[in-house]
């Protein structure tokens, strides 16, 4: 729905936020809602970000030549207390990935 406005305002840009977590899912499959072995939050997050990246690459190809630039940006990590309680859950973050801090 925004494409007409983006084309009219060219040069325009679309920026989607991605994450280094696209490397975490095993098998790189986004075809299934859950991986074998059950739910694991970080894998689900990684698959969602992988799907977002695939969409961004496809959109960039479709809009080539329209005066609309399409980017995927990884803002990096941020240590906050937003995830308090989840960082110690084995269903969310594997023990070897858990950062040291007040949330562990």
C-alpha atoms as a PDB file:
ATOM      1  CA  UNK A   1       0.000   0.000   0.000  1.00  0.00           C
ATOM      2  CA  UNK A   2       2.982   2.314   0.477  1.00  0.00           C
ATOM      3  CA  UNK A   3       4.591   1.623  -2.894  1.00  0.00           C
ATOM      4  CA  UNK A   4       2.706   4.371  -4.784  1.00  0.00           C
ATOM      5  CA  UNK A   5       3.824   6.958  -2.223  1.00  0.00           C
ATOM      6  CA  UNK A   6       7.389   5.637  -2.280  1.00  0.00           C
ATOM      7  CA  UNK A   7       7.467   5.782  -6.089  1.00  0.00           C
ATOM      8  CA  UNK A   8       5.994   9.294  -6.105  1.00  0.00           C
ATOM      9  CA  UNK A   9       8.588  10.466  -3.603  1.00  0.00           C
ATOM     10  CA  UNK A  10      11.570   8.803  -5.304  1.00  0.00           C
ATOM     11  CA  UNK A  11      14.338   8.576  -4.497  1.00  0.00           C
ATOM     12  CA  UNK A  12      12.927   6.651  -1.550  1.00  0.00           C
ATOM     13  CA  UNK A  13      14.149   3.896   0.725  1.00  0.00           C
ATOM     14  CA  UNK A  14      12.820   0.956   2.675  1.00  0.00           C
ATOM     15  CA  UNK A  15      14.836  -0.268   5.661  1.00  0.00           C
ATOM     16  CA  UNK A  16      13.957  -3.570   7.322  1.00  0.00           C
ATOM     17  CA  UNK A  17      15.570  -4.489  10.624  1.00  0.00           C
ATOM     18  CA  UNK A  18      17.273  -7.857  10.614  1.00  0.00           C
ATOM     19  CA  UNK A  19      19.578  -9.644  13.030  1.00  0.00           C
ATOM     20  CA  UNK A  20      22.709 -11.733  13.122  1.00  0.00           C
ATOM     21  CA  UNK A  21      20.324 -14.389  14.415  1.00  0.00           C
ATOM     22  CA  UNK A  22      19.616 -15.378  10.801  1.00  0.00           C
ATOM     23  CA  UNK A  23      22.628 -17.702  11.214  1.00  0.00           C
ATOM     24  CA  UNK A  24      21.122 -19.589  14.174  1.00  0.00           C
ATOM     25  CA  UNK A  25      18.322 -21.713  12.628  1.00  0.00           C
ATOM     26  CA  UNK A  26      19.502 -25.143  11.567  1.00  0.00           C
ATOM     27  CA  UNK A  27      18.659 -26.188   8.052  1.00  0.00           C
ATOM     28  CA  UNK A  28      17.788 -22.609   7.059  1.00  0.00           C
ATOM     29  CA  UNK A  29      14.204 -23.775   6.554  1.00  0.00           C
ATOM     30  CA  UNK A  30      11.385 -21.309   7.048  1.00  0.00           C
ATOM     31  CA  UNK A  31       8.793 -23.717   5.675  1.00  0.00           C
ATOM     32  CA  UNK A  32       7.824 -25.172   9.039  1.00  0.00           C
ATOM     33  CA  UNK A  33       6.388 -23.409  12.055  1.00  0.00           C
ATOM     34  CA  UNK A  34       8.495 -25.446  14.488  1.00  0.00           C
ATOM     35  CA  UNK A  35      11.754 -27.270  14.105  1.00  0.00           C
ATOM     36  CA  UNK A  36      12.054 -30.943  15.041  1.00  0.00           C
ATOM     37  CA  UNK A  37      12.470 -31.338  18.762  1.00  0.00           C
ATOM     38  CA  UNK A  38       9.960 -28.678  19.771  1.00  0.00           C
ATOM     39  CA  UNK A  39       9.919 -24.967  20.326  1.00  0.00           C
ATOM     40  CA  UNK A  40      13.158 -23.098  20.953  1.00  0.00           C
ATOM     41  CA  UNK A  41      12.726 -19.337  21.100  1.00  0.00           C
ATOM     42  CA  UNK A  42      16.029 -18.285  19.589  1.00  0.00           C
ATOM     43  CA  UNK A  43      15.551 -20.586  16.606  1.00  0.00           C
ATOM     44  CA  UNK A  44      12.053 -19.198  16.040  1.00  0.00           C
ATOM     45  CA  UNK A  45      13.409 -15.654  16.232  1.00  0.00           C
ATOM     46  CA  UNK A  46      16.201 -16.538  13.821  1.00  0.00           C
ATOM     47  CA  UNK A  47      13.762 -18.085  11.345  1.00  0.00           C
ATOM     48  CA  UNK A  48      11.529 -15.003  11.541  1.00  0.00           C
ATOM     49  CA  UNK A  49      14.501 -12.750  10.855  1.00  0.00           C
ATOM     50  CA  UNK A  50      15.610 -15.051   8.027  1.00  0.00           C
ATOM     51  CA  UNK A  51      12.151 -14.747   6.449  1.00  0.00           C
ATOM     52  CA  UNK A  52      12.360 -10.975   6.867  1.00  0.00           C
ATOM     53  CA  UNK A  53      15.755 -10.944   5.119  1.00  0.00           C
ATOM     54  CA  UNK A  54      14.461 -13.119   2.259  1.00  0.00           C
ATOM     55  CA  UNK A  55      11.529 -10.731   1.812  1.00  0.00           C
ATOM     56  CA  UNK A  56      13.880  -7.739   1.801  1.00  0.00           C
ATOM     57  CA  UNK A  57      16.071  -9.280  -0.908  1.00  0.00           C
ATOM     58  CA  UNK A  58      13.007 -10.126  -2.998  1.00  0.00           C
ATOM     59  CA  UNK A  59      11.576  -6.623  -2.584  1.00  0.00           C
ATOM     60  CA  UNK A  60      14.898  -5.068  -3.624  1.00  0.00           C
ATOM     61  CA  UNK A  61      14.867  -7.149  -6.805  1.00  0.00           C
ATOM     62  CA  UNK A  62      11.224  -6.293  -7.609  1.00  0.00           C
ATOM     63  CA  UNK A  63      11.771  -2.550  -7.097  1.00  0.00           C
ATOM     64  CA  UNK A  64      15.030  -2.365  -9.037  1.00  0.00           C
ATOM     65  CA  UNK A  65      14.904   0.677 -11.314  1.00  0.00           C
ATOM     66  CA  UNK A  66      11.915   2.282  -9.523  1.00  0.00           C
ATOM     67  CA  UNK A  67      14.010   4.781  -7.561  1.00  0.00           C
ATOM     68  CA  UNK A  68      13.386   2.897  -4.315  1.00  0.00           C
ATOM     69  CA  UNK A  69      16.393   1.522  -2.456  1.00  0.00           C
ATOM     70  CA  UNK A  70      15.803  -1.432  -0.154  1.00  0.00           C
ATOM     71  CA  UNK A  71      18.099  -2.274   2.759  1.00  0.00           C
ATOM     72  CA  UNK A  72      18.353  -4.756   5.598  1.00  0.00           C
ATOM     73  CA  UNK A  73      20.107  -3.408   8.680  1.00  0.00           C
ATOM     74  CA  UNK A  74      21.367  -5.238  11.750  1.00  0.00           C
ATOM     75  CA  UNK A  75      21.509  -2.718  14.607  1.00  0.00           C
ATOM     76  CA  UNK A  76      23.583  -5.063  16.770  1.00  0.00           C
ATOM     77  CA  UNK A  77      22.902  -6.231  20.264  1.00  0.00           C
ATOM     78  CA  UNK A  78      21.698  -4.221  23.196  1.00  0.00           C
ATOM     79  CA  UNK A  79      21.984  -5.304  26.795  1.00  0.00           C
ATOM     80  CA  UNK A  80      18.783  -4.308  28.539  1.00  0.00           C
ATOM     81  CA  UNK A  81      16.578  -5.705  31.260  1.00  0.00           C
ATOM     82  CA  UNK A  82      13.772  -6.227  28.736  1.00  0.00           C
ATOM     83  CA  UNK A  83      14.435  -9.957  28.677  1.00  0.00           C
ATOM     84  CA  UNK A  84      14.658 -10.422  32.434  1.00  0.00           C
ATOM     85  CA  UNK A  85      13.667 -13.983  33.232  1.00  0.00           C
ATOM     86  CA  UNK A  86      13.852 -15.234  29.665  1.00  0.00           C
ATOM     87  CA  UNK A  87      17.620 -15.298  29.284  1.00  0.00           C
ATOM     88  CA  UNK A  88      17.871 -18.161  31.769  1.00  0.00           C
ATOM     89  CA  UNK A  89      15.147 -20.255  30.142  1.00  0.00           C
ATOM     90  CA  UNK A  90      16.449 -23.266  28.216  1.00  0.00           C
ATOM     91  CA  UNK A  91      13.436 -22.884  25.915  1.00  0.00           C
ATOM     92  CA  UNK A  92      14.644 -19.444  24.830  1.00  0.00           C
ATOM     93  CA  UNK A  93      18.423 -19.287  24.997  1.00  0.00           C
ATOM     94  CA  UNK A  94      20.915 -22.139  25.041  1.00  0.00           C
ATOM     95  CA  UNK A  95      23.221 -22.075  28.097  1.00  0.00           C
ATOM     96  CA  UNK A  96      26.305 -21.383  25.967  1.00  0.00           C
ATOM     97  CA  UNK A  97      24.630 -18.263  24.503  1.00  0.00           C
ATOM     98  CA  UNK A  98      23.460 -16.764  27.792  1.00  0.00           C
ATOM     99  CA  UNK A  99      25.250 -13.538  28.622  1.00  0.00           C
ATOM    100  CA  UNK A 100      26.512 -12.841  32.096  1.00  0.00           C
ATOM    101  CA  UNK A 101      24.475 -10.237  33.905  1.00  0.00           C
ATOM    102  CA  UNK A 102      21.579  -9.562  36.238  1.00  0.00           C
ATOM    103  CA  UNK A 103      19.203 -11.584  34.034  1.00  0.00           C
ATOM    104  CA  UNK A 104      21.195 -14.852  34.255  1.00  0.00           C
END
